[in-house]
Amino acid sequence: MTHTPSNKVPDRYRDAFVKAVQEWQESDPSVQAQRGGCPLEFVEPSTCRVTVSFFGTAYVVEHPTARVWAQETGKMPSYGLQTLFLHYLLTADGRPLTGEWVSFRELPDGLFYQQAFRQRSLLPLEGKFGHDRPAFEKAATALGGEKLDLAESSFRFYALPRVPLAALLWTGDEEFPPAVQILFDASAGGYLPTEDLAMVGGMLSGSLLRYEEKP
């Protein structure tokens, strides 16, 4: 069963989703899975499944049906996430990670989205954690972040197999205001369009903001 345009797909995703489904059905999944660093298995001679890890949760993307579901629960994710996973597999060009961190504005066409990215993803983090480093570190650790040495406090997260992000915090004091950055590996443009990278950064920000320490 293949995906077809449906009223269930929100308007803001419909065109991108339908286009991605068509391109996925026309693609070579073996090549794209390899480029994206994702495991692939054939369940029938003409049907295969690619496993995409997203912030530590495994999702299955089937070819050629373009069906997507969470590996553990079998539930279908939002159409926004389905589109994101398809874009990742379709965009991945297999380039190696550089180990060089760049800001959002340094991504292809990043300047175009920079202001919106700062408003939606960075300023809320500054508001919540700008004077509370312990809370930031607890949230980042609970979400699987790996400690880095890039700022006063910083952590690496793997959004997708070859899309690492870094969240950086400098707490404010009497002289300087707090600052937060979300950085991307310089290779990120070879794995997702910049608009999707904004979505990924926003999801990381949202997860950090929603974290509440259990008593």
C-alpha atoms as a PDB file:
ATOM      1  CA  MET A   1       0.000   0.000   0.000  1.00  0.00           C
ATOM      2  CA  THR A   2       1.504   3.339  -1.063  1.00  0.00           C
ATOM      3  CA  HIS A   3       0.860   6.780   0.316  1.00  0.00           C
ATOM      4  CA  THR A   4      -1.474   8.993  -1.692  1.00  0.00           C
ATOM      5  CA  PRO A   5      -2.476  12.632  -1.191  1.00  0.00           C
ATOM      6  CA  SER A   6      -4.982  12.802   1.621  1.00  0.00           C
ATOM      7  CA  ASN A   7      -6.962  15.363   3.523  1.00  0.00           C
ATOM      8  CA  LYS A   8      -5.282  13.934   6.608  1.00  0.00           C
ATOM      9  CA  VAL A   9      -1.986  15.549   5.607  1.00  0.00           C
ATOM     10  CA  PRO A  10      -1.851  19.105   7.004  1.00  0.00           C
ATOM     11  CA  ASP A  11      -1.745  21.769   4.303  1.00  0.00           C
ATOM     12  CA  ARG A  12       1.703  22.989   5.367  1.00  0.00           C
ATOM     13  CA  TYR A  13       3.220  19.559   4.708  1.00  0.00           C
ATOM     14  CA  ARG A  14       1.071  18.263   1.840  1.00  0.00           C
ATOM     15  CA  ASP A  15       3.066  19.422  -1.166  1.00  0.00           C
ATOM     16  CA  ALA A  16       6.437  18.542   0.358  1.00  0.00           C
ATOM     17  CA  PHE A  17       5.170  15.192   1.609  1.00  0.00           C
ATOM     18  CA  VAL A  18       3.612  14.122  -1.685  1.00  0.00           C
ATOM     19  CA  LYS A  19       6.742  15.188  -3.593  1.00  0.00           C
ATOM     20  CA  ALA A  20       9.022  13.317  -1.160  1.00  0.00           C
ATOM     21  CA  VAL A  21       6.923  10.155  -1.393  1.00  0.00           C
ATOM     22  CA  GLN A  22       7.122  10.210  -5.179  1.00  0.00           C
ATOM     23  CA  GLU A  23      10.882  10.766  -5.151  1.00  0.00           C
ATOM     24  CA  TRP A  24      11.360   8.006  -2.571  1.00  0.00           C
ATOM     25  CA  GLN A  25       9.413   5.551  -4.696  1.00  0.00           C
ATOM     26  CA  GLU A  26      11.627   6.415  -7.671  1.00  0.00           C
ATOM     27  CA  SER A  27      14.905   6.240  -5.707  1.00  0.00           C
ATOM     28  CA  ASP A  28      17.352   3.411  -5.070  1.00  0.00           C
ATOM     29  CA  PRO A  29      16.838   2.739  -1.340  1.00  0.00           C
ATOM     30  CA  SER A  30      20.047   0.693  -1.026  1.00  0.00           C
ATOM     31  CA  VAL A  31      22.135   3.637  -2.183  1.00  0.00           C
ATOM     32  CA  GLN A  32      20.311   6.209  -0.069  1.00  0.00           C
ATOM     33  CA  ALA A  33      20.342   4.064   3.069  1.00  0.00           C
ATOM     34  CA  GLN A  34      24.095   3.621   2.728  1.00  0.00           C
ATOM     35  CA  ARG A  35      24.639   7.336   2.199  1.00  0.00           C
ATOM     36  CA  GLY A  36      22.511   8.127   5.240  1.00  0.00           C
ATOM     37  CA  GLY A  37      24.223   5.567   7.477  1.00  0.00           C
ATOM     38  CA  CYS A  38      20.970   3.640   7.980  1.00  0.00           C
ATOM     39  CA  PRO A  39      20.465  -0.153   8.171  1.00  0.00           C
ATOM     40  CA  LEU A  40      18.402  -1.702   5.388  1.00  0.00           C
ATOM     41  CA  GLU A  41      16.673  -5.071   5.122  1.00  0.00           C
ATOM     42  CA  PHE A  42      14.605  -6.670   2.371  1.00  0.00           C
ATOM     43  CA  VAL A  43      11.336  -8.216   3.522  1.00  0.00           C
ATOM     44  CA  GLU A  44      10.371  -9.199  -0.031  1.00  0.00           C
ATOM     45  CA  PRO A  45      12.347  -9.089  -3.281  1.00  0.00           C
ATOM     46  CA  SER A  46      10.756  -5.746  -4.156  1.00  0.00           C
ATOM     47  CA  THR A  47      10.147  -4.359  -0.669  1.00  0.00           C
ATOM     48  CA  CYS A  48      12.752  -3.156   1.811  1.00  0.00           C
ATOM     49  CA  ARG A  49      12.796  -1.280   5.096  1.00  0.00           C
ATOM     50  CA  VAL A  50      15.275   1.370   6.188  1.00  0.00           C
ATOM     51  CA  THR A  51      15.732   2.099   9.895  1.00  0.00           C
ATOM     52  CA  VAL A  52      16.273   5.768  10.715  1.00  0.00           C
ATOM     53  CA  SER A  53      17.310   6.759  14.229  1.00  0.00           C
ATOM     54  CA  PHE A  54      15.910  10.134  15.309  1.00  0.00           C
ATOM     55  CA  PHE A  55      17.179  11.447  18.643  1.00  0.00           C
ATOM     56  CA  GLY A  56      17.629   7.835  19.753  1.00  0.00           C
ATOM     57  CA  THR A  57      14.219   6.538  18.629  1.00  0.00           C
ATOM     58  CA  ALA A  58      14.153   4.103  15.706  1.00  0.00           C
ATOM     59  CA  TYR A  59      11.698   4.597  12.840  1.00  0.00           C
ATOM     60  CA  VAL A  60      11.125   2.365   9.836  1.00  0.00           C
ATOM     61  CA  VAL A  61      10.776   3.820   6.343  1.00  0.00           C
ATOM     62  CA  GLU A  62       9.510   1.288   3.830  1.00  0.00           C
ATOM     63  CA  HIS A  63      10.238   1.246   0.122  1.00  0.00           C
ATOM     64  CA  PRO A  64       8.414   1.583  -2.209  1.00  0.00           C
ATOM     65  CA  THR A  65       5.284   2.105  -0.085  1.00  0.00           C
ATOM     66  CA  ALA A  66       6.759   5.105   1.809  1.00  0.00           C
ATOM     67  CA  ARG A  67       5.022   3.895   4.961  1.00  0.00           C
ATOM     68  CA  VAL A  68       6.708   5.139   8.145  1.00  0.00           C
ATOM     69  CA  TRP A  69       6.270   3.871  11.688  1.00  0.00           C
ATOM     70  CA  ALA A  70       8.043   3.784  15.039  1.00  0.00           C
ATOM     71  CA  GLN A  71       9.926   0.513  15.305  1.00  0.00           C
ATOM     72  CA  GLU A  72       9.014  -0.127  18.940  1.00  0.00           C
ATOM     73  CA  THR A  73       5.343   0.880  18.953  1.00  0.00           C
ATOM     74  CA  GLY A  74       4.295   0.563  15.325  1.00  0.00           C
ATOM     75  CA  LYS A  75       2.692   4.016  15.506  1.00  0.00           C
ATOM     76  CA  MET A  76       2.858   6.371  12.556  1.00  0.00           C
ATOM     77  CA  PRO A  77       4.663   9.631  13.382  1.00  0.00           C
ATOM     78  CA  SER A  78       3.425  13.049  12.341  1.00  0.00           C
ATOM     79  CA  TYR A  79       3.524  13.942   8.669  1.00  0.00           C
ATOM     80  CA  GLY A  80       6.146  16.528   9.532  1.00  0.00           C
ATOM     81  CA  LEU A  81       8.446  13.794  10.804  1.00  0.00           C
ATOM     82  CA  GLN A  82       7.611  11.474   7.922  1.00  0.00           C
ATOM     83  CA  THR A  83       8.576  14.215   5.494  1.00  0.00           C
ATOM     84  CA  LEU A  84      11.752  14.895   7.453  1.00  0.00           C
ATOM     85  CA  PHE A  85      12.852  11.239   7.326  1.00  0.00           C
ATOM     86  CA  LEU A  86      12.147  11.020   3.606  1.00  0.00           C
ATOM     87  CA  HIS A  87      14.078  14.249   3.009  1.00  0.00           C
ATOM     88  CA  TYR A  88      17.003  12.860   4.990  1.00  0.00           C
ATOM     89  CA  LEU A  89      17.163   9.677   2.948  1.00  0.00           C
ATOM     90  CA  LEU A  90      16.692  11.524  -0.323  1.00  0.00           C
ATOM     91  CA  THR A  91      19.209  14.289   0.433  1.00  0.00           C
ATOM     92  CA  ALA A  92      21.982  12.216   2.036  1.00  0.00           C
ATOM     93  CA  ASP A  93      25.030  12.294  -0.198  1.00  0.00           C
ATOM     94  CA  GLY A  94      27.330  10.265   2.044  1.00  0.00           C
ATOM     95  CA  ARG A  95      29.854  13.032   2.693  1.00  0.00           C
ATOM     96  CA  PRO A  96      31.893  12.476   5.888  1.00  0.00           C
ATOM     97  CA  LEU A  97      31.299  14.534   9.008  1.00  0.00           C
ATOM     98  CA  THR A  98      33.832  17.329   9.239  1.00  0.00           C
ATOM     99  CA  GLY A  99      34.032  17.765  13.001  1.00  0.00           C
ATOM    100  CA  GLU A 100      33.697  21.507  12.345  1.00  0.00           C
ATOM    101  CA  TRP A 101      30.762  23.170  14.079  1.00  0.00           C
ATOM    102  CA  VAL A 102      28.929  25.984  12.284  1.00  0.00           C
ATOM    103  CA  SER A 103      26.080  28.263  13.301  1.00  0.00           C
ATOM    104  CA  PHE A 104      22.693  28.129  11.623  1.00  0.00           C
ATOM    105  CA  ARG A 105      23.416  31.259   9.612  1.00  0.00           C
ATOM    106  CA  GLU A 106      26.454  29.543   8.044  1.00  0.00           C
ATOM    107  CA  LEU A 107      24.315  26.773   6.546  1.00  0.00           C
ATOM    108  CA  PRO A 108      23.204  27.070   2.891  1.00  0.00           C
ATOM    109  CA  ASP A 109      20.604  29.891   2.819  1.00  0.00           C
ATOM    110  CA  GLY A 110      20.846  30.003   6.616  1.00  0.00           C
ATOM    111  CA  LEU A 111      20.689  33.798   6.666  1.00  0.00           C
ATOM    112  CA  PHE A 112      17.204  33.628   5.187  1.00  0.00           C
ATOM    113  CA  TYR A 113      15.876  31.599   8.143  1.00  0.00           C
ATOM    114  CA  GLN A 114      18.240  32.926  10.826  1.00  0.00           C
ATOM    115  CA  GLN A 115      15.919  35.411  12.505  1.00  0.00           C
ATOM    116  CA  ALA A 116      13.047  32.946  12.752  1.00  0.00           C
ATOM    117  CA  PHE A 117      15.406  30.249  14.048  1.00  0.00           C
ATOM    118  CA  ARG A 118      16.712  32.552  16.756  1.00  0.00           C
ATOM    119  CA  GLN A 119      13.243  33.659  17.807  1.00  0.00           C
ATOM    120  CA  ARG A 120      11.769  30.160  17.949  1.00  0.00           C
ATOM    121  CA  SER A 121      14.689  28.023  19.087  1.00  0.00           C
ATOM    122  CA  LEU A 122      17.374  30.083  20.829  1.00  0.00           C
ATOM    123  CA  LEU A 123      15.659  32.880  22.730  1.00  0.00           C
ATOM    124  CA  PRO A 124      13.321  30.505  24.638  1.00  0.00           C
ATOM    125  CA  LEU A 125      16.374  28.505  25.776  1.00  0.00           C
ATOM    126  CA  GLU A 126      18.102  31.679  26.928  1.00  0.00           C
ATOM    127  CA  GLY A 127      14.985  32.608  28.863  1.00  0.00           C
ATOM    128  CA  LYS A 128      14.773  29.288  30.676  1.00  0.00           C
ATOM    129  CA  PHE A 129      18.428  28.326  31.177  1.00  0.00           C
ATOM    130  CA  GLY A 130      20.297  31.624  30.872  1.00  0.00           C
ATOM    131  CA  HIS A 131      20.828  31.828  34.625  1.00  0.00           C
ATOM    132  CA  ASP A 132      20.467  28.144  35.471  1.00  0.00           C
ATOM    133  CA  ARG A 133      23.344  26.052  34.185  1.00  0.00           C
ATOM    134  CA  PRO A 134      22.541  23.029  36.393  1.00  0.00           C
ATOM    135  CA  ALA A 135      19.027  22.821  34.941  1.00  0.00           C
ATOM    136  CA  PHE A 136      20.417  22.987  31.394  1.00  0.00           C
ATOM    137  CA  GLU A 137      22.927  20.229  32.122  1.00  0.00           C
ATOM    138  CA  LYS A 138      20.316  17.998  33.739  1.00  0.00           C
ATOM    139  CA  ALA A 139      17.984  18.398  30.757  1.00  0.00           C
ATOM    140  CA  ALA A 140      20.741  17.825  28.208  1.00  0.00           C
ATOM    141  CA  THR A 141      22.048  14.751  30.002  1.00  0.00           C
ATOM    142  CA  ALA A 142      18.562  13.279  30.411  1.00  0.00           C
ATOM    143  CA  LEU A 143      18.010  13.676  26.658  1.00  0.00           C
ATOM    144  CA  GLY A 144      21.159  11.721  25.845  1.00  0.00           C
ATOM    145  CA  GLY A 145      23.521  14.612  25.259  1.00  0.00           C
ATOM    146  CA  GLU A 146      27.278  13.944  25.236  1.00  0.00           C
ATOM    147  CA  LYS A 147      29.310  16.581  27.041  1.00  0.00           C
ATOM    148  CA  LEU A 148      31.548  18.773  24.890  1.00  0.00           C
ATOM    149  CA  ASP A 149      34.095  21.477  25.634  1.00  0.00           C
ATOM    150  CA  LEU A 150      32.832  24.253  23.384  1.00  0.00           C
ATOM    151  CA  ALA A 151      31.334  26.734  25.848  1.00  0.00           C
ATOM    152  CA  GLU A 152      30.612  27.204  29.533  1.00  0.00           C
ATOM    153  CA  SER A 153      28.366  24.171  29.089  1.00  0.00           C
ATOM    154  CA  SER A 154      27.814  22.256  25.856  1.00  0.00           C
ATOM    155  CA  PHE A 155      26.419  18.918  24.660  1.00  0.00           C
ATOM    156  CA  ARG A 156      26.253  16.949  21.414  1.00  0.00           C
ATOM    157  CA  PHE A 157      23.098  15.202  20.228  1.00  0.00           C
ATOM    158  CA  TYR A 158      22.581  12.971  17.205  1.00  0.00           C
ATOM    159  CA  ALA A 159      19.322  14.039  15.601  1.00  0.00           C
ATOM    160  CA  LEU A 160      19.853  11.605  12.715  1.00  0.00           C
ATOM    161  CA  PRO A 161      22.682   9.142  12.058  1.00  0.00           C
ATOM    162  CA  ARG A 162      24.777  11.746  10.252  1.00  0.00           C
ATOM    163  CA  VAL A 163      23.259  14.960  11.609  1.00  0.00           C
ATOM    164  CA  PRO A 164      24.842  15.838  14.954  1.00  0.00           C
ATOM    165  CA  LEU A 165      23.879  19.045  16.750  1.00  0.00           C
ATOM    166  CA  ALA A 166      25.560  20.862  19.622  1.00  0.00           C
ATOM    167  CA  ALA A 167      23.722  22.942  22.229  1.00  0.00           C
ATOM    168  CA  LEU A 168      25.894  25.579  23.911  1.00  0.00           C
ATOM    169  CA  LEU A 169      25.172  27.734  26.960  1.00  0.00           C
ATOM    170  CA  TRP A 170      26.888  30.760  28.437  1.00  0.00           C
ATOM    171  CA  THR A 171      25.124  31.883  31.601  1.00  0.00           C
ATOM    172  CA  GLY A 172      24.556  35.560  32.192  1.00  0.00           C
ATOM    173  CA  ASP A 173      26.019  37.713  34.933  1.00  0.00           C
ATOM    174  CA  GLU A 174      26.087  41.375  35.922  1.00  0.00           C
ATOM    175  CA  GLU A 175      28.172  42.292  32.866  1.00  0.00           C
ATOM    176  CA  PHE A 176      27.002  39.976  30.105  1.00  0.00           C
ATOM    177  CA  PRO A 177      23.589  38.614  29.117  1.00  0.00           C
ATOM    178  CA  PRO A 178      23.119  34.860  28.733  1.00  0.00           C
ATOM    179  CA  ALA A 179      23.628  33.287  25.330  1.00  0.00           C
ATOM    180  CA  VAL A 180      22.640  30.002  23.737  1.00  0.00           C
ATOM    181  CA  GLN A 181      23.707  28.529  20.428  1.00  0.00           C
ATOM    182  CA  ILE A 182      22.691  25.436  18.494  1.00  0.00           C
ATOM    183  CA  LEU A 183      25.449  24.404  16.103  1.00  0.00           C
ATOM    184  CA  PHE A 184      25.573  21.936  13.218  1.00  0.00           C
ATOM    185  CA  ASP A 185      28.362  19.941  11.642  1.00  0.00           C
ATOM    186  CA  ALA A 186      29.582  21.736   8.514  1.00  0.00           C
ATOM    187  CA  SER A 187      28.443  18.722   6.466  1.00  0.00           C
ATOM    188  CA  ALA A 188      24.776  19.151   7.482  1.00  0.00           C
ATOM    189  CA  GLY A 189      23.742  20.630   4.136  1.00  0.00           C
ATOM    190  CA  GLY A 190      24.620  17.320   2.514  1.00  0.00           C
ATOM    191  CA  TYR A 191      21.967  15.543   4.585  1.00  0.00           C
ATOM    192  CA  LEU A 192      18.984  17.884   4.942  1.00  0.00           C
ATOM    193  CA  PRO A 193      17.678  21.080   3.397  1.00  0.00           C
ATOM    194  CA  THR A 194      18.259  24.062   5.669  1.00  0.00           C
ATOM    195  CA  GLU A 195      14.545  24.470   6.357  1.00  0.00           C
ATOM    196  CA  ASP A 196      14.510  20.926   7.742  1.00  0.00           C
ATOM    197  CA  LEU A 197      17.640  21.615   9.783  1.00  0.00           C
ATOM    198  CA  ALA A 198      15.740  24.505  11.366  1.00  0.00           C
ATOM    199  CA  MET A 199      12.989  22.051  12.274  1.00  0.00           C
ATOM    200  CA  VAL A 200      15.522  19.654  13.808  1.00  0.00           C
ATOM    201  CA  GLY A 201      17.119  22.420  15.847  1.00  0.00           C
ATOM    202  CA  GLY A 202      13.683  23.543  16.963  1.00  0.00           C
ATOM    203  CA  MET A 203      12.803  20.045  18.107  1.00  0.00           C
ATOM    204  CA  LEU A 204      15.981  19.855  20.170  1.00  0.00           C
ATOM    205  CA  SER A 205      15.161  23.221  21.714  1.00  0.00           C
ATOM    206  CA  GLY A 206      11.612  22.121  22.462  1.00  0.00           C
ATOM    207  CA  SER A 207      12.754  18.901  24.097  1.00  0.00           C
ATOM    208  CA  LEU A 208      15.153  20.791  26.365  1.00  0.00           C
ATOM    209  CA  LEU A 209      12.464  23.300  27.275  1.00  0.00           C
ATOM    210  CA  ARG A 210       9.903  20.603  28.084  1.00  0.00           C
ATOM    211  CA  TYR A 211      12.215  18.566  30.301  1.00  0.00           C
ATOM    212  CA  GLU A 212      11.092  18.476  33.888  1.00  0.00           C
ATOM    213  CA  GLU A 213      13.189  16.785  36.539  1.00  0.00           C
ATOM    214  CA  LYS A 214      11.266  14.022  38.277  1.00  0.00           C
ATOM    215  CA  PRO A 215      11.043  14.362  42.067  1.00  0.00           C
END
